[in-house]
């Protein structure tokens, strides 16, 4: 089956959306499907206001139409709500083609933090965007229920996975600073609430791996923190393994792939008890979830790393991608039959 995925989030961005789509494409191709991605790399782009690392496509409508018609997809998935997603959605509606969408992040909360626009306004716009789809995939049951409460009509769950061959416990030598070592990995931006971690009075040392619009200001404000920038997956596995606690200060993430990556390397998690950490970790086991983030960090030091790794082994990209596949809406009876046969073979 030919599966087309349209996304405004792509390289050089390093985030959960990009990683999810890469892993999903890989798993779908293993099952014999042809997967084409339409990304900003195929278009003239301009920097997103307040976030220049994100490139927005300029007037993509005609080129989107040409790419869709050249690939002749059997199913279309629109991963994001940016210029490419909007153009693809308009094409599908005009040509009466069913499509699916995904809700990856707490975009309304991000918009409110950056521009002061009320959350209710953005959710109303997003509901209108996604309700034209046959299904809107969200990463956890809590997010699915939240979207339904906000007027989304066809929400379904599409979970996430972790590459257990890359993210695994290795020698704990990467970070040569005073222990215990507390690490944050991810985008350094206001919506990630990184400063809540940096301002904690913790023993040992702190590290940040990642980059973003808030990085320069935070480096200047917290000179005692160690910074590594953006790393490869193999390098991240070394960082997670060397750390004593992975600190996840975000209150707005819908899932948090980095949670799974850290746990797969045996690193316990400290986080707030909010959507994302609660859905992935639960109330006990591989992490400490408390409103007092400092107390959570200290409690996480006591967690058995072997049990943390064992917990992460429950998640696989193969299972997550089969779930994604099951939600697609092929255009023709022949493609629908092919999808059903693929699902049976993948069990």
C-alpha atoms as a PDB file:
ATOM      1  CA  UNK A   1       0.000   0.000   0.000  1.00  0.00           C
ATOM      2  CA  UNK A   2       1.221   3.532  -0.773  1.00  0.00           C
ATOM      3  CA  UNK A   3       1.071   5.643   2.396  1.00  0.00           C
ATOM      4  CA  UNK A   4       1.622   9.400   2.224  1.00  0.00           C
ATOM      5  CA  UNK A   5       2.576  11.322   5.379  1.00  0.00           C
ATOM      6  CA  UNK A   6       2.548  15.124   5.347  1.00  0.00           C
ATOM      7  CA  UNK A   7       4.489  16.918   8.090  1.00  0.00           C
ATOM      8  CA  UNK A   8       5.596  20.467   8.825  1.00  0.00           C
ATOM      9  CA  UNK A   9       8.016  19.092  11.456  1.00  0.00           C
ATOM     10  CA  UNK A  10      11.172  17.619   9.984  1.00  0.00           C
ATOM     11  CA  UNK A  11      14.949  17.836   9.967  1.00  0.00           C
ATOM     12  CA  UNK A  12      16.963  19.728  11.042  1.00  0.00           C
ATOM     13  CA  UNK A  13      14.481  19.824  13.936  1.00  0.00           C
ATOM     14  CA  UNK A  14      15.263  17.277  16.629  1.00  0.00           C
ATOM     15  CA  UNK A  15      12.074  16.481  18.521  1.00  0.00           C
ATOM     16  CA  UNK A  16       9.569  13.779  19.314  1.00  0.00           C
ATOM     17  CA  UNK A  17       7.411  14.379  16.255  1.00  0.00           C
ATOM     18  CA  UNK A  18      10.324  13.947  13.847  1.00  0.00           C
ATOM     19  CA  UNK A  19      11.588  10.867  15.636  1.00  0.00           C
ATOM     20  CA  UNK A  20       8.118   9.322  15.775  1.00  0.00           C
ATOM     21  CA  UNK A  21       7.582   9.771  12.044  1.00  0.00           C
ATOM     22  CA  UNK A  22      11.014   8.367  11.174  1.00  0.00           C
ATOM     23  CA  UNK A  23      10.479   5.278  13.285  1.00  0.00           C
ATOM     24  CA  UNK A  24       6.941   4.805  11.991  1.00  0.00           C
ATOM     25  CA  UNK A  25       8.108   4.985   8.377  1.00  0.00           C
ATOM     26  CA  UNK A  26      10.810   2.419   9.101  1.00  0.00           C
ATOM     27  CA  UNK A  27       8.338  -0.018  10.674  1.00  0.00           C
ATOM     28  CA  UNK A  28       5.761   0.432   7.897  1.00  0.00           C
ATOM     29  CA  UNK A  29       8.407  -0.264   5.274  1.00  0.00           C
ATOM     30  CA  UNK A  30       9.347  -3.449   7.125  1.00  0.00           C
ATOM     31  CA  UNK A  31       5.734  -4.540   6.639  1.00  0.00           C
ATOM     32  CA  UNK A  32       6.057  -3.996   2.881  1.00  0.00           C
ATOM     33  CA  UNK A  33       4.361  -0.615   2.505  1.00  0.00           C
ATOM     34  CA  UNK A  34       5.726   2.246   0.384  1.00  0.00           C
ATOM     35  CA  UNK A  35       5.920   5.397   2.509  1.00  0.00           C
ATOM     36  CA  UNK A  36       6.392   8.887   1.079  1.00  0.00           C
ATOM     37  CA  UNK A  37       6.905  11.943   3.285  1.00  0.00           C
ATOM     38  CA  UNK A  38       6.153  15.500   2.233  1.00  0.00           C
ATOM     39  CA  UNK A  39       8.269  17.793   4.444  1.00  0.00           C
ATOM     40  CA  UNK A  40       9.469  21.420   4.453  1.00  0.00           C
ATOM     41  CA  UNK A  41      12.697  20.235   2.780  1.00  0.00           C
ATOM     42  CA  UNK A  42      10.729  20.105  -0.486  1.00  0.00           C
ATOM     43  CA  UNK A  43       9.604  23.760  -0.327  1.00  0.00           C
ATOM     44  CA  UNK A  44      10.709  27.347  -0.016  1.00  0.00           C
ATOM     45  CA  UNK A  45      10.558  28.130   3.711  1.00  0.00           C
ATOM     46  CA  UNK A  46      10.763  31.011   6.161  1.00  0.00           C
ATOM     47  CA  UNK A  47      11.562  30.975   9.914  1.00  0.00           C
ATOM     48  CA  UNK A  48       8.724  30.614  12.387  1.00  0.00           C
ATOM     49  CA  UNK A  49       8.241  33.799  14.458  1.00  0.00           C
ATOM     50  CA  UNK A  50       9.946  33.477  17.897  1.00  0.00           C
ATOM     51  CA  UNK A  51      11.290  30.045  16.875  1.00  0.00           C
ATOM     52  CA  UNK A  52      13.610  30.388  13.845  1.00  0.00           C
ATOM     53  CA  UNK A  53      14.755  26.758  14.036  1.00  0.00           C
ATOM     54  CA  UNK A  54      11.307  25.784  12.740  1.00  0.00           C
ATOM     55  CA  UNK A  55      10.902  26.403   9.007  1.00  0.00           C
ATOM     56  CA  UNK A  56       7.440  27.121   7.617  1.00  0.00           C
ATOM     57  CA  UNK A  57       6.664  26.361   3.983  1.00  0.00           C
ATOM     58  CA  UNK A  58       5.726  29.267   1.709  1.00  0.00           C
ATOM     59  CA  UNK A  59       2.657  28.875  -0.527  1.00  0.00           C
ATOM     60  CA  UNK A  60       2.844  25.063  -0.825  1.00  0.00           C
ATOM     61  CA  UNK A  61      -0.615  24.372  -2.307  1.00  0.00           C
ATOM     62  CA  UNK A  62       0.300  23.698  -5.961  1.00  0.00           C
ATOM     63  CA  UNK A  63       3.416  21.709  -5.148  1.00  0.00           C
ATOM     64  CA  UNK A  64       1.541  19.633  -2.549  1.00  0.00           C
ATOM     65  CA  UNK A  65      -1.072  18.747  -5.167  1.00  0.00           C
ATOM     66  CA  UNK A  66       1.607  17.725  -7.672  1.00  0.00           C
ATOM     67  CA  UNK A  67       3.404  15.551  -5.097  1.00  0.00           C
ATOM     68  CA  UNK A  68       0.189  13.803  -4.072  1.00  0.00           C
ATOM     69  CA  UNK A  69      -0.817  13.083  -7.658  1.00  0.00           C
ATOM     70  CA  UNK A  70       2.659  11.835  -8.577  1.00  0.00           C
ATOM     71  CA  UNK A  71       2.815   9.385  -5.656  1.00  0.00           C
ATOM     72  CA  UNK A  72      -0.782   8.159  -6.051  1.00  0.00           C
ATOM     73  CA  UNK A  73      -1.268   7.234  -2.387  1.00  0.00           C
ATOM     74  CA  UNK A  74      -3.723   4.681  -1.088  1.00  0.00           C
ATOM     75  CA  UNK A  75      -3.948   6.496   2.268  1.00  0.00           C
ATOM     76  CA  UNK A  76      -2.987   9.960   3.502  1.00  0.00           C
ATOM     77  CA  UNK A  77      -1.945  10.959   7.007  1.00  0.00           C
ATOM     78  CA  UNK A  78      -1.505  14.632   7.959  1.00  0.00           C
ATOM     79  CA  UNK A  79       0.845  14.819  10.926  1.00  0.00           C
ATOM     80  CA  UNK A  80       0.817  18.561  11.676  1.00  0.00           C
ATOM     81  CA  UNK A  81      -1.390  21.624  11.435  1.00  0.00           C
ATOM     82  CA  UNK A  82       1.128  23.948   9.707  1.00  0.00           C
ATOM     83  CA  UNK A  83       1.183  25.253   6.109  1.00  0.00           C
ATOM     84  CA  UNK A  84       1.814  21.797   4.625  1.00  0.00           C
ATOM     85  CA  UNK A  85      -0.873  20.194   6.756  1.00  0.00           C
ATOM     86  CA  UNK A  86      -3.364  22.887   5.812  1.00  0.00           C
ATOM     87  CA  UNK A  87      -2.594  22.532   2.095  1.00  0.00           C
ATOM     88  CA  UNK A  88      -2.886  18.738   2.207  1.00  0.00           C
ATOM     89  CA  UNK A  89      -6.138  18.943   4.170  1.00  0.00           C
ATOM     90  CA  UNK A  90      -7.603  21.342   1.598  1.00  0.00           C
ATOM     91  CA  UNK A  91      -6.569  19.016  -1.255  1.00  0.00           C
ATOM     92  CA  UNK A  92      -8.157  15.979   0.412  1.00  0.00           C
ATOM     93  CA  UNK A  93     -11.427  17.792   1.093  1.00  0.00           C
ATOM     94  CA  UNK A  94     -11.590  19.169  -2.460  1.00  0.00           C
ATOM     95  CA  UNK A  95     -10.996  15.714  -3.970  1.00  0.00           C
ATOM     96  CA  UNK A  96     -13.150  13.889  -1.391  1.00  0.00           C
ATOM     97  CA  UNK A  97     -10.239  11.768  -0.145  1.00  0.00           C
ATOM     98  CA  UNK A  98     -10.410  10.424   3.418  1.00  0.00           C
ATOM     99  CA  UNK A  99      -7.413  11.221   5.586  1.00  0.00           C
ATOM    100  CA  UNK A 100      -6.194  10.922   9.166  1.00  0.00           C
ATOM    101  CA  UNK A 101      -4.446  13.459  11.383  1.00  0.00           C
ATOM    102  CA  UNK A 102      -2.397  13.422  14.579  1.00  0.00           C
ATOM    103  CA  UNK A 103      -2.236  15.564  17.692  1.00  0.00           C
ATOM    104  CA  UNK A 104       1.376  15.470  18.866  1.00  0.00           C
ATOM    105  CA  UNK A 105       1.800  18.361  21.301  1.00  0.00           C
ATOM    106  CA  UNK A 106      -0.048  20.819  23.530  1.00  0.00           C
ATOM    107  CA  UNK A 107       0.042  23.457  20.812  1.00  0.00           C
ATOM    108  CA  UNK A 108      -2.609  25.753  22.381  1.00  0.00           C
ATOM    109  CA  UNK A 109      -0.616  25.933  25.603  1.00  0.00           C
ATOM    110  CA  UNK A 110       2.558  26.729  23.635  1.00  0.00           C
ATOM    111  CA  UNK A 111       0.769  29.510  21.734  1.00  0.00           C
ATOM    112  CA  UNK A 112      -0.517  30.994  24.967  1.00  0.00           C
ATOM    113  CA  UNK A 113       2.989  31.011  26.480  1.00  0.00           C
ATOM    114  CA  UNK A 114       4.502  32.686  23.420  1.00  0.00           C
ATOM    115  CA  UNK A 115       1.769  35.056  22.247  1.00  0.00           C
ATOM    116  CA  UNK A 116      -0.837  35.254  25.023  1.00  0.00           C
ATOM    117  CA  UNK A 117      -3.641  33.878  22.827  1.00  0.00           C
ATOM    118  CA  UNK A 118      -6.326  32.165  24.976  1.00  0.00           C
ATOM    119  CA  UNK A 119      -6.091  28.374  24.975  1.00  0.00           C
ATOM    120  CA  UNK A 120      -9.804  28.035  24.168  1.00  0.00           C
ATOM    121  CA  UNK A 121      -9.402  29.955  20.892  1.00  0.00           C
ATOM    122  CA  UNK A 122      -6.614  27.710  19.630  1.00  0.00           C
ATOM    123  CA  UNK A 123      -8.393  24.507  20.666  1.00  0.00           C
ATOM    124  CA  UNK A 124     -11.474  25.676  18.768  1.00  0.00           C
ATOM    125  CA  UNK A 125      -9.388  26.195  15.625  1.00  0.00           C
ATOM    126  CA  UNK A 126      -7.651  22.829  16.063  1.00  0.00           C
ATOM    127  CA  UNK A 127     -10.950  21.002  16.543  1.00  0.00           C
ATOM    128  CA  UNK A 128     -12.166  22.449  13.259  1.00  0.00           C
ATOM    129  CA  UNK A 129      -8.941  21.339  11.539  1.00  0.00           C
ATOM    130  CA  UNK A 130      -8.983  17.776  12.881  1.00  0.00           C
ATOM    131  CA  UNK A 131     -12.711  17.075  12.741  1.00  0.00           C
ATOM    132  CA  UNK A 132     -12.508  16.926   8.944  1.00  0.00           C
ATOM    133  CA  UNK A 133     -10.372  13.793   9.322  1.00  0.00           C
ATOM    134  CA  UNK A 134     -11.613  10.212   9.624  1.00  0.00           C
ATOM    135  CA  UNK A 135      -9.529   9.836  12.793  1.00  0.00           C
ATOM    136  CA  UNK A 136      -7.267  12.035  14.911  1.00  0.00           C
ATOM    137  CA  UNK A 137      -4.497  10.042  16.588  1.00  0.00           C
ATOM    138  CA  UNK A 138      -3.326  11.099  20.059  1.00  0.00           C
ATOM    139  CA  UNK A 139      -0.520   9.493  22.093  1.00  0.00           C
ATOM    140  CA  UNK A 140      -2.295   8.601  25.350  1.00  0.00           C
ATOM    141  CA  UNK A 141      -5.758   7.824  26.663  1.00  0.00           C
ATOM    142  CA  UNK A 142      -5.747  10.972  28.809  1.00  0.00           C
ATOM    143  CA  UNK A 143      -5.034  13.160  25.753  1.00  0.00           C
ATOM    144  CA  UNK A 144      -7.721  11.344  23.743  1.00  0.00           C
ATOM    145  CA  UNK A 145     -10.291  12.051  26.455  1.00  0.00           C
ATOM    146  CA  UNK A 146      -9.142  15.656  26.835  1.00  0.00           C
ATOM    147  CA  UNK A 147      -9.526  16.310  23.113  1.00  0.00           C
ATOM    148  CA  UNK A 148     -13.005  14.784  23.117  1.00  0.00           C
ATOM    149  CA  UNK A 149     -13.960  17.134  25.933  1.00  0.00           C
ATOM    150  CA  UNK A 150     -12.723  20.047  23.818  1.00  0.00           C
ATOM    151  CA  UNK A 151     -14.888  19.190  20.821  1.00  0.00           C
ATOM    152  CA  UNK A 152     -12.719  16.760  18.839  1.00  0.00           C
ATOM    153  CA  UNK A 153     -15.077  14.156  17.389  1.00  0.00           C
ATOM    154  CA  UNK A 154     -12.952  11.222  16.161  1.00  0.00           C
ATOM    155  CA  UNK A 155      -9.980  10.805  18.481  1.00  0.00           C
ATOM    156  CA  UNK A 156      -8.167   7.466  18.751  1.00  0.00           C
ATOM    157  CA  UNK A 157      -4.997   6.365  20.500  1.00  0.00           C
ATOM    158  CA  UNK A 158      -1.631   5.957  18.782  1.00  0.00           C
ATOM    159  CA  UNK A 159       1.037   5.157  21.362  1.00  0.00           C
ATOM    160  CA  UNK A 160       4.818   5.482  21.032  1.00  0.00           C
ATOM    161  CA  UNK A 161       7.837   3.202  21.287  1.00  0.00           C
ATOM    162  CA  UNK A 162      11.562   3.187  21.899  1.00  0.00           C
ATOM    163  CA  UNK A 163      14.458   1.561  20.020  1.00  0.00           C
ATOM    164  CA  UNK A 164      15.697  -0.862  22.651  1.00  0.00           C
ATOM    165  CA  UNK A 165      18.775  -1.744  20.586  1.00  0.00           C
ATOM    166  CA  UNK A 166      20.038   1.849  20.616  1.00  0.00           C
ATOM    167  CA  UNK A 167      18.735   2.951  23.990  1.00  0.00           C
ATOM    168  CA  UNK A 168      20.148   0.443  26.447  1.00  0.00           C
ATOM    169  CA  UNK A 169      22.401   0.585  29.507  1.00  0.00           C
ATOM    170  CA  UNK A 170      26.063   1.166  28.555  1.00  0.00           C
ATOM    171  CA  UNK A 171      29.207   2.196  30.437  1.00  0.00           C
ATOM    172  CA  UNK A 172      28.466   5.090  32.792  1.00  0.00           C
ATOM    173  CA  UNK A 173      31.497   7.162  31.794  1.00  0.00           C
ATOM    174  CA  UNK A 174      30.098   9.871  29.507  1.00  0.00           C
ATOM    175  CA  UNK A 175      29.581  12.573  32.132  1.00  0.00           C
ATOM    176  CA  UNK A 176      32.610  13.139  34.356  1.00  0.00           C
ATOM    177  CA  UNK A 177      31.170  15.513  36.951  1.00  0.00           C
ATOM    178  CA  UNK A 178      30.249  15.324  40.610  1.00  0.00           C
ATOM    179  CA  UNK A 179      27.523  12.796  41.450  1.00  0.00           C
ATOM    180  CA  UNK A 180      24.639  12.502  41.638  1.00  0.00           C
ATOM    181  CA  UNK A 181      24.191  13.633  38.032  1.00  0.00           C
ATOM    182  CA  UNK A 182      20.835  15.080  36.969  1.00  0.00           C
ATOM    183  CA  UNK A 183      20.118  15.417  33.233  1.00  0.00           C
ATOM    184  CA  UNK A 184      17.571  17.134  31.021  1.00  0.00           C
ATOM    185  CA  UNK A 185      17.328  16.172  27.337  1.00  0.00           C
ATOM    186  CA  UNK A 186      15.130  17.998  24.874  1.00  0.00           C
ATOM    187  CA  UNK A 187      14.237  21.281  23.291  1.00  0.00           C
ATOM    188  CA  UNK A 188      15.324  24.318  25.304  1.00  0.00           C
ATOM    189  CA  UNK A 189      12.244  26.494  24.991  1.00  0.00           C
ATOM    190  CA  UNK A 190       9.798  28.226  27.297  1.00  0.00           C
ATOM    191  CA  UNK A 191       7.107  25.572  26.888  1.00  0.00           C
ATOM    192  CA  UNK A 192       9.502  22.876  28.145  1.00  0.00           C
ATOM    193  CA  UNK A 193       9.810  24.617  31.554  1.00  0.00           C
ATOM    194  CA  UNK A 194      13.561  23.828  31.667  1.00  0.00           C
ATOM    195  CA  UNK A 195      14.248  26.590  34.189  1.00  0.00           C
ATOM    196  CA  UNK A 196      12.171  24.738  36.788  1.00  0.00           C
ATOM    197  CA  UNK A 197      14.949  22.123  36.715  1.00  0.00           C
ATOM    198  CA  UNK A 198      17.875  24.542  36.513  1.00  0.00           C
ATOM    199  CA  UNK A 199      16.800  26.551  39.544  1.00  0.00           C
ATOM    200  CA  UNK A 200      16.577  23.516  41.846  1.00  0.00           C
ATOM    201  CA  UNK A 201      19.127  23.247  44.667  1.00  0.00           C
ATOM    202  CA  UNK A 202      20.307  19.689  44.085  1.00  0.00           C
ATOM    203  CA  UNK A 203      23.440  17.871  45.190  1.00  0.00           C
ATOM    204  CA  UNK A 204      25.981  16.836  42.553  1.00  0.00           C
ATOM    205  CA  UNK A 205      25.770  18.351  39.062  1.00  0.00           C
ATOM    206  CA  UNK A 206      23.304  19.228  36.296  1.00  0.00           C
ATOM    207  CA  UNK A 207      23.501  18.671  32.541  1.00  0.00           C
ATOM    208  CA  UNK A 208      21.356  19.880  29.641  1.00  0.00           C
ATOM    209  CA  UNK A 209      21.409  18.163  26.232  1.00  0.00           C
ATOM    210  CA  UNK A 210      19.616  20.060  23.516  1.00  0.00           C
ATOM    211  CA  UNK A 211      19.195  23.502  22.013  1.00  0.00           C
ATOM    212  CA  UNK A 212      16.466  26.032  21.337  1.00  0.00           C
ATOM    213  CA  UNK A 213      15.440  29.665  21.576  1.00  0.00           C
ATOM    214  CA  UNK A 214      15.870  29.864  25.368  1.00  0.00           C
ATOM    215  CA  UNK A 215      19.334  28.255  25.467  1.00  0.00           C
ATOM    216  CA  UNK A 216      21.492  31.392  25.316  1.00  0.00           C
ATOM    217  CA  UNK A 217      19.619  33.161  28.117  1.00  0.00           C
ATOM    218  CA  UNK A 218      19.621  30.097  30.369  1.00  0.00           C
ATOM    219  CA  UNK A 219      23.334  29.445  29.829  1.00  0.00           C
ATOM    220  CA  UNK A 220      24.065  32.996  30.929  1.00  0.00           C
ATOM    221  CA  UNK A 221      21.731  32.791  33.942  1.00  0.00           C
ATOM    222  CA  UNK A 222      22.963  29.379  35.170  1.00  0.00           C
ATOM    223  CA  UNK A 223      26.736  29.241  34.571  1.00  0.00           C
ATOM    224  CA  UNK A 224      27.162  26.226  36.843  1.00  0.00           C
ATOM    225  CA  UNK A 225      25.111  23.972  34.527  1.00  0.00           C
ATOM    226  CA  UNK A 226      26.879  21.755  31.961  1.00  0.00           C
ATOM    227  CA  UNK A 227      25.661  21.880  28.340  1.00  0.00           C
ATOM    228  CA  UNK A 228      26.142  19.349  25.551  1.00  0.00           C
ATOM    229  CA  UNK A 229      23.932  20.636  22.729  1.00  0.00           C
ATOM    230  CA  UNK A 230      22.174  18.328  20.267  1.00  0.00           C
ATOM    231  CA  UNK A 231      23.465  14.732  20.257  1.00  0.00           C
ATOM    232  CA  UNK A 232      22.996  11.591  18.176  1.00  0.00           C
ATOM    233  CA  UNK A 233      20.873   8.751  19.530  1.00  0.00           C
ATOM    234  CA  UNK A 234      23.964   6.687  20.367  1.00  0.00           C
ATOM    235  CA  UNK A 235      25.464   9.631  22.247  1.00  0.00           C
ATOM    236  CA  UNK A 236      22.199  10.188  24.093  1.00  0.00           C
ATOM    237  CA  UNK A 237      22.224   6.558  25.232  1.00  0.00           C
ATOM    238  CA  UNK A 238      25.632   7.220  26.807  1.00  0.00           C
ATOM    239  CA  UNK A 239      24.285  10.339  28.526  1.00  0.00           C
ATOM    240  CA  UNK A 240      21.193   8.589  29.889  1.00  0.00           C
ATOM    241  CA  UNK A 241      23.325   5.704  31.112  1.00  0.00           C
ATOM    242  CA  UNK A 242      25.779   8.022  32.863  1.00  0.00           C
ATOM    243  CA  UNK A 243      23.062  10.090  34.555  1.00  0.00           C
ATOM    244  CA  UNK A 244      21.649   9.181  37.945  1.00  0.00           C
ATOM    245  CA  UNK A 245      18.264  10.837  37.270  1.00  0.00           C
ATOM    246  CA  UNK A 246      16.546  12.103  34.144  1.00  0.00           C
ATOM    247  CA  UNK A 247      14.581  15.262  34.982  1.00  0.00           C
ATOM    248  CA  UNK A 248      11.495  16.031  32.888  1.00  0.00           C
ATOM    249  CA  UNK A 249      10.152  19.445  33.964  1.00  0.00           C
ATOM    250  CA  UNK A 250       7.576  19.928  31.196  1.00  0.00           C
ATOM    251  CA  UNK A 251       3.934  20.354  32.148  1.00  0.00           C
ATOM    252  CA  UNK A 252       2.619  20.454  28.571  1.00  0.00           C
ATOM    253  CA  UNK A 253       4.011  17.407  26.713  1.00  0.00           C
ATOM    254  CA  UNK A 254       1.465  14.871  25.526  1.00  0.00           C
ATOM    255  CA  UNK A 255       3.885  11.944  25.824  1.00  0.00           C
ATOM    256  CA  UNK A 256       7.630  12.635  25.952  1.00  0.00           C
ATOM    257  CA  UNK A 257       9.701  10.123  23.964  1.00  0.00           C
ATOM    258  CA  UNK A 258      12.728  11.093  26.022  1.00  0.00           C
ATOM    259  CA  UNK A 259      11.054   9.459  29.025  1.00  0.00           C
ATOM    260  CA  UNK A 260      11.162   6.092  27.267  1.00  0.00           C
ATOM    261  CA  UNK A 261      14.715   6.659  26.006  1.00  0.00           C
ATOM    262  CA  UNK A 262      16.004   7.439  29.494  1.00  0.00           C
ATOM    263  CA  UNK A 263      14.216   4.481  31.069  1.00  0.00           C
ATOM    264  CA  UNK A 264      15.447   2.115  28.350  1.00  0.00           C
ATOM    265  CA  UNK A 265      18.968   3.062  29.457  1.00  0.00           C
ATOM    266  CA  UNK A 266      18.072   2.298  33.076  1.00  0.00           C
ATOM    267  CA  UNK A 267      17.827   5.942  34.144  1.00  0.00           C
ATOM    268  CA  UNK A 268      14.961   6.714  36.563  1.00  0.00           C
ATOM    269  CA  UNK A 269      12.767   9.740  35.905  1.00  0.00           C
ATOM    270  CA  UNK A 270      11.790  12.714  38.043  1.00  0.00           C
ATOM    271  CA  UNK A 271       8.799  14.712  36.790  1.00  0.00           C
ATOM    272  CA  UNK A 272       5.608  16.502  37.699  1.00  0.00           C
ATOM    273  CA  UNK A 273       2.461  14.339  38.011  1.00  0.00           C
ATOM    274  CA  UNK A 274       0.924  15.631  34.770  1.00  0.00           C
ATOM    275  CA  UNK A 275      -0.219  14.244  31.417  1.00  0.00           C
ATOM    276  CA  UNK A 276       2.724  12.566  29.722  1.00  0.00           C
ATOM    277  CA  UNK A 277       4.680  11.338  32.754  1.00  0.00           C
ATOM    278  CA  UNK A 278       1.531   9.946  34.399  1.00  0.00           C
ATOM    279  CA  UNK A 279       0.472   8.158  31.211  1.00  0.00           C
ATOM    280  CA  UNK A 280       3.914   6.719  30.496  1.00  0.00           C
ATOM    281  CA  UNK A 281       5.166   5.998  34.015  1.00  0.00           C
ATOM    282  CA  UNK A 282       2.100   5.701  36.213  1.00  0.00           C
ATOM    283  CA  UNK A 283       2.107   6.242  39.946  1.00  0.00           C
ATOM    284  CA  UNK A 284       5.078   4.073  40.825  1.00  0.00           C
ATOM    285  CA  UNK A 285       7.932   2.046  39.364  1.00  0.00           C
ATOM    286  CA  UNK A 286      10.510   3.677  37.080  1.00  0.00           C
ATOM    287  CA  UNK A 287      10.023   7.268  38.190  1.00  0.00           C
ATOM    288  CA  UNK A 288       9.142   9.698  40.948  1.00  0.00           C
ATOM    289  CA  UNK A 289       6.259  12.059  40.133  1.00  0.00           C
ATOM    290  CA  UNK A 290       5.672  14.885  42.590  1.00  0.00           C
ATOM    291  CA  UNK A 291       4.589  18.521  42.512  1.00  0.00           C
ATOM    292  CA  UNK A 292       7.786  19.214  44.435  1.00  0.00           C
ATOM    293  CA  UNK A 293      10.247  18.549  41.604  1.00  0.00           C
ATOM    294  CA  UNK A 294      13.242  18.676  43.935  1.00  0.00           C
ATOM    295  CA  UNK A 295      11.735  15.969  46.141  1.00  0.00           C
ATOM    296  CA  UNK A 296      11.008  13.917  43.025  1.00  0.00           C
ATOM    297  CA  UNK A 297      14.655  14.196  41.925  1.00  0.00           C
ATOM    298  CA  UNK A 298      15.917  12.960  45.287  1.00  0.00           C
ATOM    299  CA  UNK A 299      13.348  10.150  45.443  1.00  0.00           C
ATOM    300  CA  UNK A 300      14.322   8.962  41.941  1.00  0.00           C
ATOM    301  CA  UNK A 301      17.889   8.354  43.169  1.00  0.00           C
ATOM    302  CA  UNK A 302      16.593   5.396  45.161  1.00  0.00           C
ATOM    303  CA  UNK A 303      14.960   3.557  42.231  1.00  0.00           C
ATOM    304  CA  UNK A 304      16.475   0.288  40.958  1.00  0.00           C
ATOM    305  CA  UNK A 305      17.900   0.867  37.467  1.00  0.00           C
ATOM    306  CA  UNK A 306      17.311  -2.747  36.452  1.00  0.00           C
ATOM    307  CA  UNK A 307      13.590  -2.347  37.105  1.00  0.00           C
ATOM    308  CA  UNK A 308      13.570   0.884  35.111  1.00  0.00           C
ATOM    309  CA  UNK A 309      14.966  -0.866  32.034  1.00  0.00           C
ATOM    310  CA  UNK A 310      12.524  -3.754  32.440  1.00  0.00           C
ATOM    311  CA  UNK A 311       9.620  -1.297  32.456  1.00  0.00           C
ATOM    312  CA  UNK A 312      10.789   0.362  29.221  1.00  0.00           C
ATOM    313  CA  UNK A 313      10.891  -3.001  27.459  1.00  0.00           C
ATOM    314  CA  UNK A 314       7.065  -2.943  27.365  1.00  0.00           C
ATOM    315  CA  UNK A 315       7.167  -0.317  24.605  1.00  0.00           C
ATOM    316  CA  UNK A 316       8.069  -1.093  20.989  1.00  0.00           C
ATOM    317  CA  UNK A 317       7.888   0.867  17.742  1.00  0.00           C
ATOM    318  CA  UNK A 318       6.566  -2.213  15.966  1.00  0.00           C
ATOM    319  CA  UNK A 319       3.452  -2.282  18.169  1.00  0.00           C
ATOM    320  CA  UNK A 320       2.980   1.498  17.939  1.00  0.00           C
ATOM    321  CA  UNK A 321       3.251   1.422  14.141  1.00  0.00           C
ATOM    322  CA  UNK A 322       0.708  -1.388  13.845  1.00  0.00           C
ATOM    323  CA  UNK A 323      -1.636   0.778  15.873  1.00  0.00           C
ATOM    324  CA  UNK A 324      -1.008   3.687  13.483  1.00  0.00           C
ATOM    325  CA  UNK A 325      -1.665   1.419  10.511  1.00  0.00           C
ATOM    326  CA  UNK A 326      -4.962   0.221  11.957  1.00  0.00           C
ATOM    327  CA  UNK A 327      -6.309   3.795  12.040  1.00  0.00           C
ATOM    328  CA  UNK A 328      -5.580   4.626   8.387  1.00  0.00           C
ATOM    329  CA  UNK A 329      -8.467   5.009   5.930  1.00  0.00           C
ATOM    330  CA  UNK A 330      -7.489   3.699   2.473  1.00  0.00           C
ATOM    331  CA  UNK A 331      -9.310   5.172  -0.523  1.00  0.00           C
ATOM    332  CA  UNK A 332     -10.339   1.973  -2.332  1.00  0.00           C
ATOM    333  CA  UNK A 333     -11.694  -1.481  -1.422  1.00  0.00           C
ATOM    334  CA  UNK A 334      -8.513  -3.047  -2.825  1.00  0.00           C
ATOM    335  CA  UNK A 335      -6.321  -0.899  -0.578  1.00  0.00           C
ATOM    336  CA  UNK A 336      -8.576  -1.632   2.395  1.00  0.00           C
ATOM    337  CA  UNK A 337      -8.175  -5.354   1.781  1.00  0.00           C
ATOM    338  CA  UNK A 338      -4.407  -4.947   1.482  1.00  0.00           C
ATOM    339  CA  UNK A 339      -4.379  -3.122   4.812  1.00  0.00           C
ATOM    340  CA  UNK A 340      -6.351  -5.885   6.500  1.00  0.00           C
ATOM    341  CA  UNK A 341      -3.977  -8.543   5.171  1.00  0.00           C
ATOM    342  CA  UNK A 342      -0.984  -6.490   6.362  1.00  0.00           C
ATOM    343  CA  UNK A 343      -2.477  -6.186   9.841  1.00  0.00           C
ATOM    344  CA  UNK A 344      -3.104  -9.939  10.017  1.00  0.00           C
ATOM    345  CA  UNK A 345       0.461 -10.694   8.914  1.00  0.00           C
ATOM    346  CA  UNK A 346       1.885  -8.261  11.487  1.00  0.00           C
ATOM    347  CA  UNK A 347       0.171  -9.941  14.451  1.00  0.00           C
END
